[in-house]
C-alpha atoms as a PDB file:
ATOM      1  CA  MET A   1      -0.002   0.151   0.056  1.00  0.00           C
ATOM      2  CA  MET A   2       3.000   2.078   0.797  1.00  0.00           C
ATOM      3  CA  ALA A   3       4.288   1.720  -2.484  1.00  0.00           C
ATOM      4  CA  LEU A   4       1.013   2.545  -4.126  1.00  0.00           C
ATOM      5  CA  LEU A   5       0.662   5.829  -2.461  1.00  0.00           C
ATOM      6  CA  LEU A   6       4.229   6.518  -3.368  1.00  0.00           C
ATOM      7  CA  LEU A   7       3.452   6.371  -6.848  1.00  0.00           C
ATOM      8  CA  VAL A   8       0.320   8.603  -6.798  1.00  0.00           C
ATOM      9  CA  SER A   9       2.637  11.080  -4.774  1.00  0.00           C
ATOM     10  CA  ALA A  10       5.194  10.920  -7.677  1.00  0.00           C
ATOM     11  CA  SER A  11       2.603  11.791 -10.163  1.00  0.00           C
ATOM     12  CA  GLY A  12       0.896  14.316  -8.482  1.00  0.00           C
ATOM     13  CA  TRP A  13      -2.379  12.725  -7.686  1.00  0.00           C
ATOM     14  CA  VAL A  14      -2.341  12.402  -3.670  1.00  0.00           C
ATOM     15  CA  GLY A  15      -5.874  12.762  -2.420  1.00  0.00           C
ATOM     16  CA  ALA A  16      -7.170  11.657  -5.959  1.00  0.00           C
ATOM     17  CA  TRP A  17      -9.284   8.954  -6.784  1.00  0.00           C
ATOM     18  CA  GLU A  18      -7.768   5.658  -5.108  1.00  0.00           C
ATOM     19  CA  PHE A  19      -6.740   2.210  -7.312  1.00  0.00           C
ATOM     20  CA  GLN A  20      -8.389  -0.055  -4.964  1.00  0.00           C
ATOM     21  CA  GLY A  21     -11.565  -2.008  -4.820  1.00  0.00           C
ATOM     22  CA  SER A  22     -14.574  -2.470  -6.798  1.00  0.00           C
ATOM     23  CA  LYS A  23     -15.350   0.710  -9.364  1.00  0.00           C
ATOM     24  CA  THR A  24     -18.070   1.114 -11.890  1.00  0.00           C
ATOM     25  CA  ILE A  25     -17.866   1.012 -15.368  1.00  0.00           C
ATOM     26  CA  THR A  26     -20.182   3.220 -17.337  1.00  0.00           C
ATOM     27  CA  ALA A  27     -20.483   3.854 -21.139  1.00  0.00           C
ATOM     28  CA  HIS A  28     -21.458   7.147 -22.103  1.00  0.00           C
ATOM     29  CA  THR A  29     -23.035   8.075 -25.088  1.00  0.00           C
ATOM     30  CA  ARG A  30     -23.177  11.142 -27.710  1.00  0.00           C
ATOM     31  CA  ASP A  31     -27.083  10.962 -26.763  1.00  0.00           C
ATOM     32  CA  ASN A  32     -26.098  12.161 -23.118  1.00  0.00           C
ATOM     33  CA  GLN A  33     -27.035   8.060 -22.243  1.00  0.00           C
ATOM     34  CA  HIS A  34     -25.137   6.586 -19.531  1.00  0.00           C
ATOM     35  CA  THR A  35     -25.192   3.009 -18.587  1.00  0.00           C
ATOM     36  CA  ARG A  36     -23.179   0.861 -15.709  1.00  0.00           C
ATOM     37  CA  ILE A  37     -21.882  -1.622 -17.956  1.00  0.00           C
ATOM     38  CA  GLY A  38     -19.443  -3.520 -15.648  1.00  0.00           C
ATOM     39  CA  VAL A  39     -17.505  -3.651 -12.618  1.00  0.00           C
ATOM     40  CA  VAL A  40     -13.491  -3.998 -12.103  1.00  0.00           C
ATOM     41  CA  HIS A  41     -11.958  -4.727  -8.836  1.00  0.00           C
ATOM     42  CA  PHE A  42      -8.506  -3.464  -7.947  1.00  0.00           C
ATOM     43  CA  VAL A  43      -5.982  -5.490  -5.529  1.00  0.00           C
ATOM     44  CA  PRO A  44      -2.578  -3.447  -4.771  1.00  0.00           C
ATOM     45  CA  GLN A  45       0.534  -5.398  -5.169  1.00  0.00           C
ATOM     46  CA  PRO A  46       3.473  -5.734  -3.005  1.00  0.00           C
ATOM     47  CA  ASP A  47       5.454  -4.739  -6.091  1.00  0.00           C
ATOM     48  CA  GLY A  48       3.712  -1.645  -6.675  1.00  0.00           C
ATOM     49  CA  SER A  49       1.678  -2.701  -9.533  1.00  0.00           C
ATOM     50  CA  LEU A  50      -2.355  -3.452  -9.253  1.00  0.00           C
ATOM     51  CA  ALA A  51      -4.165  -6.513  -9.743  1.00  0.00           C
ATOM     52  CA  PHE A  52      -7.749  -6.237 -11.731  1.00  0.00           C
ATOM     53  CA  THR A  53     -10.674  -8.256 -12.889  1.00  0.00           C
ATOM     54  CA  VAL A  54     -13.491  -6.664 -14.755  1.00  0.00           C
ATOM     55  CA  THR A  55     -16.783  -8.206 -14.720  1.00  0.00           C
ATOM     56  CA  MET A  56     -19.212  -6.895 -17.424  1.00  0.00           C
ATOM     57  CA  ASP A  57     -22.854  -6.683 -16.668  1.00  0.00           C
ATOM     58  CA  HIS A  58     -24.492  -8.540 -19.715  1.00  0.00           C
ATOM     59  CA  ALA A  59     -27.957  -8.141 -18.223  1.00  0.00           C
ATOM     60  CA  VAL A  60     -27.694  -4.339 -19.718  1.00  0.00           C
ATOM     61  CA  PHE A  61     -26.547  -5.848 -23.026  1.00  0.00           C
ATOM     62  CA  THR A  62     -28.230  -6.928 -26.150  1.00  0.00           C
ATOM     63  CA  ASP A  63     -27.134 -10.522 -27.718  1.00  0.00           C
ATOM     64  CA  TYR A  64     -26.386 -10.111 -31.594  1.00  0.00           C
ATOM     65  CA  PHE A  65     -25.395 -12.791 -33.200  1.00  0.00           C
ATOM     66  CA  LEU A  66     -22.689 -11.497 -36.085  1.00  0.00           C
ATOM     67  CA  SER A  67     -20.333 -13.175 -38.287  1.00  0.00           C
ATOM     68  CA  MET A  68     -21.271 -16.447 -36.681  1.00  0.00           C
ATOM     69  CA  LYS A  69     -20.351 -15.356 -32.975  1.00  0.00           C
ATOM     70  CA  GLU A  70     -22.569 -13.948 -30.432  1.00  0.00           C
ATOM     71  CA  PHE A  71     -21.752 -10.496 -29.252  1.00  0.00           C
ATOM     72  CA  LYS A  72     -23.137  -8.716 -25.956  1.00  0.00           C
ATOM     73  CA  CYS A  73     -23.942  -5.160 -27.667  1.00  0.00           C
ATOM     74  CA  LEU A  74     -25.107  -1.432 -26.674  1.00  0.00           C
ATOM     75  CA  SER A  75     -27.232  -0.256 -29.404  1.00  0.00           C
ATOM     76  CA  SER A  76     -29.178   3.099 -30.729  1.00  0.00           C
ATOM     77  CA  PRO A  77     -30.772   3.792 -33.758  1.00  0.00           C
ATOM     78  CA  VAL A  78     -27.592   5.234 -35.216  1.00  0.00           C
ATOM     79  CA  GLU A  79     -24.921   2.530 -34.199  1.00  0.00           C
ATOM     80  CA  VAL A  80     -24.189  -0.817 -32.206  1.00  0.00           C
ATOM     81  CA  THR A  81     -21.346  -1.250 -30.320  1.00  0.00           C
ATOM     82  CA  CYS A  82     -20.434  -4.449 -29.256  1.00  0.00           C
ATOM     83  CA  HIS A  83     -18.341  -5.538 -26.251  1.00  0.00           C
ATOM     84  CA  VAL A  84     -15.309  -7.808 -27.420  1.00  0.00           C
ATOM     85  CA  PRO A  85     -13.462  -9.875 -24.882  1.00  0.00           C
ATOM     86  CA  TYR A  86      -9.774 -10.202 -25.340  1.00  0.00           C
ATOM     87  CA  PRO A  87      -9.437 -13.573 -25.665  1.00  0.00           C
ATOM     88  CA  TYR A  88      -6.125 -14.544 -24.901  1.00  0.00           C
ATOM     89  CA  GLN A  89      -4.672 -14.922 -21.416  1.00  0.00           C
ATOM     90  CA  GLN A  90      -3.128 -11.875 -19.880  1.00  0.00           C
ATOM     91  CA  PRO A  91      -1.589 -11.009 -16.629  1.00  0.00           C
ATOM     92  CA  GLY A  92      -4.410  -8.778 -15.367  1.00  0.00           C
ATOM     93  CA  ARG A  93      -1.992  -6.287 -14.049  1.00  0.00           C
ATOM     94  CA  VAL A  94      -1.579  -2.426 -14.614  1.00  0.00           C
ATOM     95  CA  THR A  95       0.881   0.357 -13.105  1.00  0.00           C
ATOM     96  CA  LEU A  96      -0.151   3.730 -12.586  1.00  0.00           C
ATOM     97  CA  GLN A  97       1.463   4.523 -15.999  1.00  0.00           C
ATOM     98  CA  ASP A  98       0.497   1.722 -17.784  1.00  0.00           C
ATOM     99  CA  LEU A  99      -3.268   0.768 -17.895  1.00  0.00           C
ATOM    100  CA  THR A 100      -3.037  -1.368 -21.082  1.00  0.00           C
ATOM    101  CA  TRP A 101      -3.965  -4.639 -19.857  1.00  0.00           C
ATOM    102  CA  LEU A 102      -7.156  -2.798 -18.371  1.00  0.00           C
ATOM    103  CA  GLU A 103      -7.771  -1.183 -21.468  1.00  0.00           C
ATOM    104  CA  HIS A 104      -7.691  -4.759 -23.591  1.00  0.00           C
ATOM    105  CA  ASN A 105     -10.615  -5.575 -21.294  1.00  0.00           C
ATOM    106  CA  LEU A 106     -12.533  -2.709 -22.837  1.00  0.00           C
ATOM    107  CA  LEU A 107     -12.300  -3.529 -26.358  1.00  0.00           C
ATOM    108  CA  PHE A 108     -15.491  -2.795 -28.673  1.00  0.00           C
ATOM    109  CA  LEU A 109     -16.602  -2.920 -32.265  1.00  0.00           C
ATOM    110  CA  PHE A 110     -19.056  -0.774 -34.200  1.00  0.00           C
ATOM    111  CA  LYS A 111     -21.721  -1.142 -36.799  1.00  0.00           C
ATOM    112  CA  THR A 112     -24.780   0.490 -38.238  1.00  0.00           C
ATOM    113  CA  PRO A 113     -28.194  -1.079 -37.172  1.00  0.00           C
ATOM    114  CA  ALA A 114     -28.379  -1.810 -40.988  1.00  0.00           C
ATOM    115  CA  GLU A 115     -25.244  -3.567 -41.538  1.00  0.00           C
ATOM    116  CA  PHE A 116     -25.180  -7.750 -41.407  1.00  0.00           C
ATOM    117  CA  GLY A 117     -22.185  -9.165 -39.603  1.00  0.00           C
ATOM    118  CA  ALA A 118     -19.255  -7.816 -37.803  1.00  0.00           C
ATOM    119  CA  LYS A 119     -16.627  -5.812 -39.559  1.00  0.00           C
ATOM    120  CA  LEU A 120     -13.644  -6.045 -37.481  1.00  0.00           C
ATOM    121  CA  TRP A 121     -11.917  -3.430 -38.693  1.00  0.00           C
ATOM    122  CA  ASN A 122     -14.205  -0.937 -37.056  1.00  0.00           C
ATOM    123  CA  GLY A 123     -12.894  -1.524 -33.781  1.00  0.00           C
ATOM    124  CA  LEU A 124     -12.575   0.697 -30.644  1.00  0.00           C
ATOM    125  CA  TYR A 125      -9.865   0.754 -28.167  1.00  0.00           C
ATOM    126  CA  TYR A 126     -10.664   3.224 -24.919  1.00  0.00           C
ATOM    127  CA  ARG A 127      -7.811   4.859 -23.711  1.00  0.00           C
ATOM    128  CA  LEU A 128      -7.710   5.453 -20.161  1.00  0.00           C
ATOM    129  CA  LYS A 129      -6.342   8.745 -18.729  1.00  0.00           C
ATOM    130  CA  LEU A 130      -6.592   9.262 -14.891  1.00  0.00           C
ATOM    131  CA  THR A 131      -8.531  12.625 -13.707  1.00  0.00           C
ATOM    132  CA  ASP A 132      -9.637  13.521  -9.859  1.00  0.00           C
ATOM    133  CA  THR A 133     -12.636  11.250  -9.990  1.00  0.00           C
ATOM    134  CA  GLY A 134     -11.467   7.942 -11.775  1.00  0.00           C
ATOM    135  CA  LEU A 135     -10.422   7.169 -15.405  1.00  0.00           C
ATOM    136  CA  VAL A 136     -11.843   8.236 -18.457  1.00  0.00           C
ATOM    137  CA  GLY A 137     -11.484   6.360 -21.832  1.00  0.00           C
ATOM    138  CA  LYS A 138     -11.771   7.967 -25.147  1.00  0.00           C
ATOM    139  CA  PRO A 139     -12.142   5.822 -28.216  1.00  0.00           C
ATOM    140  CA  MET A 140      -9.508   5.288 -30.900  1.00  0.00           C
ATOM    141  CA  ALA A 141      -9.773   3.308 -33.864  1.00  0.00           C
ATOM    142  CA  ILE A 142      -8.049  -0.316 -33.999  1.00  0.00           C
ATOM    143  CA  ASP A 143      -8.442  -3.419 -36.479  1.00  0.00           C
ATOM    144  CA  LEU A 144      -9.491  -6.273 -34.311  1.00  0.00           C
ATOM    145  CA  ASN A 145      -8.305  -8.435 -37.256  1.00  0.00           C
ATOM    146  CA  HIS A 146      -4.962  -8.167 -34.731  1.00  0.00           C
ATOM    147  CA  ILE A 147      -6.128 -10.530 -32.456  1.00  0.00           C
ATOM    148  CA  SER A 148      -7.916 -13.144 -34.719  1.00  0.00           C
ATOM    149  CA  ALA A 149      -4.675 -15.367 -33.931  1.00  0.00           C
ATOM    150  CA  PRO A 150      -2.730 -15.437 -30.693  1.00  0.00           C
ATOM    151  CA  PRO A 151      -0.221 -13.091 -30.372  1.00  0.00           C
ATOM    152  CA  ASP A 152       3.742 -14.597 -30.276  1.00  0.00           C
ATOM    153  CA  ASP A 153       4.451 -13.140 -26.590  1.00  0.00           C
ATOM    154  CA  LEU A 154       1.398 -13.174 -24.860  1.00  0.00           C
ATOM    155  CA  SER A 155       2.867 -10.765 -22.100  1.00  0.00           C
ATOM    156  CA  VAL A 156       2.963  -8.113 -24.367  1.00  0.00           C
ATOM    157  CA  PRO A 157      -0.425  -6.130 -25.150  1.00  0.00           C
ATOM    158  CA  THR A 158      -1.403  -7.011 -28.454  1.00  0.00           C
ATOM    159  CA  PHE A 159      -2.928  -3.084 -29.431  1.00  0.00           C
ATOM    160  CA  GLY A 160       0.243  -0.777 -28.437  1.00  0.00           C
ATOM    161  CA  PRO A 161       0.377   2.628 -29.601  1.00  0.00           C
ATOM    162  CA  ASP A 162       1.391   2.005 -33.366  1.00  0.00           C
ATOM    163  CA  LEU A 163      -1.990  -0.113 -34.086  1.00  0.00           C
ATOM    164  CA  ARG A 164      -4.196   2.568 -32.678  1.00  0.00           C
ATOM    165  CA  ASP A 165      -5.651   5.782 -34.480  1.00  0.00           C
ATOM    166  CA  ALA A 166      -7.320   8.850 -33.370  1.00  0.00           C
ATOM    167  CA  ILE A 167     -10.689   9.305 -33.479  1.00  0.00           C
ATOM    168  CA  LEU A 168     -12.489  12.694 -34.109  1.00  0.00           C
ATOM    169  CA  ALA A 169     -14.364  13.565 -30.982  1.00  0.00           C
ATOM    170  CA  GLY A 170     -18.404  12.486 -31.195  1.00  0.00           C
ATOM    171  CA  ALA A 171     -17.493  10.505 -34.290  1.00  0.00           C
ATOM    172  CA  ARG A 172     -18.347   7.418 -32.209  1.00  0.00           C
ATOM    173  CA  TRP A 173     -22.393   7.128 -30.455  1.00  0.00           C
ATOM    174  CA  LEU A 174     -20.294   5.346 -27.500  1.00  0.00           C
ATOM    175  CA  GLU A 175     -18.286   8.517 -26.807  1.00  0.00           C
ATOM    176  CA  SER A 176     -16.313   7.586 -23.870  1.00  0.00           C
ATOM    177  CA  ILE A 177     -16.025   4.878 -20.763  1.00  0.00           C
ATOM    178  CA  THR A 178     -15.574   5.996 -17.444  1.00  0.00           C
ATOM    179  CA  ILE A 179     -14.244   3.644 -14.421  1.00  0.00           C
ATOM    180  CA  GLU A 180     -15.492   5.598 -11.150  1.00  0.00           C
END
């Protein structure tokens, strides 16, 4: 715990949001809807890292059968956004400076309601930033085809900065994800 406080202090976030216990994951849409979609549970580790587990609340999602696979989706008249669980073993650990593995648990794809099937190149990666009240994730474009086969090294996150592209604000219906 002392290591966690020192890391927080070193980053200038003393007294800010704590990476400990259960936190709510909320999806925020551009039509001002706020839906609790899951929970992340943080446990500080002796080495200063944080173990985490993510549990999505499937009751708030609608089942879609896309491209021969079932997806859990949030939908609107303009866009359907589906959670894509990271399919490979991963360490389930983050640090205050690197939230990449947590971000890999919040992968989505989008499609229009009229489109048939899933287009894996329409992937969304929510890049998380620390605020005074928690974490805020803004969407970045990714090609989910990069996880269609296991990576050579399971300890390295698939979607590094070189595989993410910026998205204009407001371009996606699911505008942000918060963890508070």
